[in-house]
Amino acid sequence: MKKNFFMVSLVLVFALGSLSAQKVVFPTDSKGNIYFTNEYETNQSKAELFEAANLWAVSTFKSGDAVFSKDAEKGELMANGTVKSKAAYNPFAGYFQEFVTFIIKFNVTDGKITYTLYKPTLSETYAGYGTNTKTTNMDDLYIEYVKAYANKESAKNDPTLSKKDQKSIIKAADEFIKDKEESLMEAETALRDLIKMMESNLFR
């Protein structure tokens, strides 16, 4: 199978140094939202590719309801997906698990299939004294993460700032990064692992 690779990676940054310092770098669209995409050429027919994508989504996400929109004639299929990411356990506090939910879309024609993965949401489930769940828009979180690195880099190199203001900006950025970076890193790893598995098993 011939693979034509293209992955949009226009990251919203305000200083070049901030990107090189970041530990988490997602591919994004023009608005800075997380957006994985790839296109493959194959000798399979439109019908074969559509069926393969449908079966993969149902079997991977363990639900016949995962696929919420499909049109065989247009060659379009959309599914809701979920992967586990960060997890932790404390015998005194309980169990903590994060999940990433997202939409994955397939477009197929004779000899070609394209996927896009977008609109990720981070769900945090805490099971200690009762169960609590919190959800976060990952697009917004990632944009703020990128801004934190940019603000930090900008403050370091801004001669107009007082030492006090410089320290305050850098401290705020570091606190945000420390609080959010591990979750974003685990989510990125989980999504890239899923995509790698999909590419190796579905589009061979």
Protein backbone atom coordinates (compact mmCIF):
# COMPACT_ATOMS: atom_id res chain seq x y z
CA MET A 1 0.00 0.00 0.00
CA LYS A 2 1.28 3.42 -0.89
CA LYS A 3 0.95 6.00 1.83
CA ASN A 4 0.67 9.73 1.20
CA PHE A 5 1.42 11.30 4.54
CA PHE A 6 0.18 14.68 5.52
CA MET A 7 -0.41 15.82 9.04
CA VAL A 8 -1.46 19.38 9.70
CA SER A 9 0.87 20.76 12.34
CA LEU A 10 0.27 24.48 12.57
CA VAL A 11 0.78 25.02 16.30
CA LEU A 12 -0.35 28.26 17.89
CA VAL A 13 2.87 29.69 19.34
CA PHE A 14 3.95 33.20 20.11
CA ALA A 15 7.68 32.60 20.46
CA LEU A 16 9.78 30.10 18.52
CA GLY A 17 11.66 29.05 21.63
CA SER A 18 8.47 27.95 23.36
CA LEU A 19 7.81 25.22 20.82
CA SER A 20 11.27 23.70 21.21
CA ALA A 21 10.84 23.69 25.00
CA GLN A 22 7.41 22.01 25.00
CA LYS A 23 7.27 18.36 25.98
CA VAL A 24 3.86 17.90 24.32
CA VAL A 25 3.31 18.89 20.69
CA PHE A 26 0.03 17.91 19.06
CA PRO A 27 -0.74 18.34 15.37
CA THR A 28 -3.29 21.15 15.07
CA ASP A 29 -5.53 22.98 12.62
CA SER A 30 -5.29 26.67 11.77
CA LYS A 31 -7.10 27.60 15.00
CA GLY A 32 -4.72 25.66 17.22
CA ASN A 33 -7.19 22.83 17.87
CA ILE A 34 -5.90 19.26 18.05
CA TYR A 35 -6.32 17.64 14.66
CA PHE A 36 -4.75 14.38 13.47
CA THR A 37 -5.20 13.52 9.80
CA ASN A 38 -3.67 11.18 7.24
CA GLU A 39 -4.41 9.85 3.76
CA TYR A 40 -3.61 6.47 2.22
CA GLU A 41 -3.73 5.08 -1.29
CA THR A 42 -4.63 1.40 -1.71
CA ASN A 43 -5.87 -1.05 -4.30
CA GLN A 44 -9.07 -1.70 -2.32
CA SER A 45 -12.47 -0.57 -3.52
CA LYS A 46 -14.59 2.11 -1.87
CA ALA A 47 -16.96 -0.53 -0.50
CA GLU A 48 -14.10 -2.61 0.94
CA LEU A 49 -12.51 0.41 2.62
CA PHE A 50 -15.83 1.57 4.06
CA GLU A 51 -16.54 -1.85 5.55
CA ALA A 52 -13.00 -2.12 6.94
CA ALA A 53 -13.29 1.27 8.65
CA ASN A 54 -16.69 0.38 10.09
CA LEU A 55 -15.49 -2.95 11.48
CA TRP A 56 -12.37 -1.38 12.93
CA ALA A 57 -14.35 1.31 14.77
CA VAL A 58 -16.88 -1.15 16.20
CA SER A 59 -14.27 -3.68 17.31
CA THR A 60 -11.78 -1.13 18.67
CA PHE A 61 -14.28 0.90 20.68
CA LYS A 62 -16.22 -2.22 21.76
CA SER A 63 -19.62 -0.92 20.81
CA GLY A 64 -22.03 -1.12 17.92
CA ASP A 65 -23.08 2.40 18.91
CA ALA A 66 -19.57 3.80 18.42
CA VAL A 67 -20.35 4.61 14.80
CA PHE A 68 -22.91 7.41 14.95
CA SER A 69 -22.96 8.46 11.29
CA LYS A 70 -22.28 6.52 8.12
CA ASP A 71 -23.11 6.95 4.47
CA ALA A 72 -21.77 4.21 2.22
CA GLU A 73 -22.73 6.08 -0.94
CA LYS A 74 -20.78 9.19 0.07
CA GLY A 75 -18.03 7.10 1.65
CA GLU A 76 -18.26 8.90 5.00
CA LEU A 77 -18.19 7.35 8.45
CA MET A 78 -17.91 8.98 11.89
CA ALA A 79 -17.39 7.33 15.25
CA ASN A 80 -16.94 8.26 18.90
CA GLY A 81 -13.81 6.81 20.42
CA THR A 82 -12.31 6.50 23.89
CA VAL A 83 -8.82 5.57 25.09
CA LYS A 84 -7.36 5.36 28.59
CA SER A 85 -4.55 7.75 29.43
CA LYS A 86 -3.15 8.82 32.81
CA ALA A 87 -3.84 6.59 35.80
CA ALA A 88 -2.78 6.65 39.45
CA TYR A 89 -3.58 4.84 42.68
CA ASN A 90 -3.12 5.97 46.26
CA PRO A 91 -4.17 3.55 49.06
CA PHE A 92 -5.36 6.51 51.13
CA ALA A 93 -6.97 8.63 48.42
CA GLY A 94 -8.27 6.06 45.92
CA TYR A 95 -8.02 5.39 42.19
CA PHE A 96 -7.64 8.06 39.54
CA GLN A 97 -8.11 7.42 35.80
CA GLU A 98 -8.19 9.75 32.82
CA PHE A 99 -9.82 8.95 29.48
CA VAL A 100 -9.63 10.76 26.16
CA THR A 101 -12.82 10.80 24.11
CA PHE A 102 -12.84 12.07 20.54
CA ILE A 103 -14.44 11.89 17.10
CA ILE A 104 -12.77 9.99 14.29
CA LYS A 105 -13.97 10.44 10.71
CA PHE A 106 -13.22 8.34 7.65
CA ASN A 107 -13.65 9.42 4.04
CA VAL A 108 -13.23 6.73 1.40
CA THR A 109 -13.20 6.53 -2.37
CA ASP A 110 -11.95 3.80 -4.70
CA GLY A 111 -8.28 3.38 -3.84
CA LYS A 112 -8.09 6.08 -1.16
CA ILE A 113 -8.97 6.49 2.51
CA THR A 114 -8.54 9.52 4.76
CA TYR A 115 -9.07 9.77 8.47
CA THR A 116 -9.27 12.74 10.83
CA LEU A 117 -9.30 12.60 14.62
CA TYR A 118 -10.50 15.72 16.39
CA LYS A 119 -12.56 17.29 19.23
CA PRO A 120 -10.79 15.44 22.06
CA THR A 121 -12.14 15.71 25.59
CA LEU A 122 -10.25 14.74 28.74
CA SER A 123 -12.39 12.95 31.34
CA GLU A 124 -11.00 12.52 34.85
CA THR A 125 -12.61 9.86 37.05
CA TYR A 126 -11.77 9.69 40.75
CA ALA A 127 -12.95 6.70 42.75
CA GLY A 128 -12.25 7.13 46.44
CA TYR A 129 -15.03 8.13 48.77
CA GLY A 130 -17.61 7.94 46.00
CA THR A 131 -17.00 8.47 42.30
CA ASN A 132 -16.50 11.85 40.70
CA THR A 133 -15.95 12.73 37.05
CA LYS A 134 -14.64 15.95 35.54
CA THR A 135 -14.40 16.74 31.82
CA THR A 136 -12.09 19.24 30.11
CA ASN A 137 -12.04 20.43 26.50
CA MET A 138 -8.58 19.35 25.35
CA ASP A 139 -8.43 21.91 22.54
CA ASP A 140 -8.80 24.75 25.06
CA LEU A 141 -6.39 23.07 27.47
CA TYR A 142 -3.72 22.60 24.81
CA ILE A 143 -4.03 26.19 23.55
CA GLU A 144 -3.53 27.42 27.13
CA TYR A 145 -0.57 25.07 27.53
CA VAL A 146 1.08 26.43 24.38
CA LYS A 147 0.40 29.99 25.57
CA ALA A 148 2.00 29.23 28.95
CA TYR A 149 5.25 28.19 27.27
CA ALA A 150 5.10 31.21 24.97
CA ASN A 151 4.42 33.60 27.86
CA LYS A 152 7.31 32.13 29.81
CA GLU A 153 9.71 32.48 26.89
CA SER A 154 8.50 35.98 26.11
CA ALA A 155 8.91 37.11 29.73
CA LYS A 156 12.47 35.80 29.82
CA ASN A 157 13.41 37.91 26.80
CA ASP A 158 11.39 41.08 27.43
CA PRO A 159 13.74 43.86 28.62
CA THR A 160 10.77 46.15 29.36
CA LEU A 161 9.55 43.94 32.20
CA SER A 162 10.60 44.54 35.77
CA LYS A 163 12.24 41.63 37.58
CA LYS A 164 9.13 41.31 39.73
CA ASP A 165 6.77 41.11 36.75
CA GLN A 166 9.09 38.73 34.94
CA LYS A 167 9.21 36.37 37.93
CA SER A 168 5.42 36.57 38.34
CA ILE A 169 4.73 35.66 34.71
CA ILE A 170 7.24 32.82 34.70
CA LYS A 171 5.93 31.45 38.01
CA ALA A 172 2.31 31.46 36.76
CA ALA A 173 3.37 29.71 33.54
CA ASP A 174 5.42 27.10 35.39
CA GLU A 175 2.56 26.34 37.78
CA PHE A 176 0.12 25.82 34.92
CA ILE A 177 2.58 23.65 33.00
CA LYS A 178 3.36 21.54 36.07
CA ASP A 179 -0.34 21.01 36.73
CA LYS A 180 -1.36 20.08 33.18
CA GLU A 181 1.65 18.71 31.32
CA GLU A 182 1.57 15.12 32.54
CA SER A 183 -2.09 14.70 31.61
CA LEU A 184 -1.48 16.15 28.14
CA MET A 185 1.59 13.97 27.68
CA GLU A 186 -0.26 10.79 28.61
CA ALA A 187 -3.17 11.76 26.36
CA GLU A 188 -0.85 12.43 23.43
CA THR A 189 0.83 9.05 23.90
CA ALA A 190 -2.54 7.25 24.07
CA LEU A 191 -3.83 8.90 20.89
CA ARG A 192 -0.61 8.33 18.94
CA ASP A 193 -0.57 4.67 20.03
CA LEU A 194 -4.16 4.26 18.85
CA ILE A 195 -3.36 5.85 15.49
CA LYS A 196 -0.26 3.70 15.08
CA MET A 197 -2.31 0.58 15.78
CA MET A 198 -5.00 1.68 13.33
CA GLU A 199 -2.49 2.41 10.58
CA SER A 200 -0.68 -0.89 11.00
CA ASN A 201 -3.80 -3.07 11.28
CA LEU A 202 -6.41 -1.38 9.14
CA PHE A 203 -4.49 0.22 6.30
CA ARG A 204 -1.88 -2.36 5.42
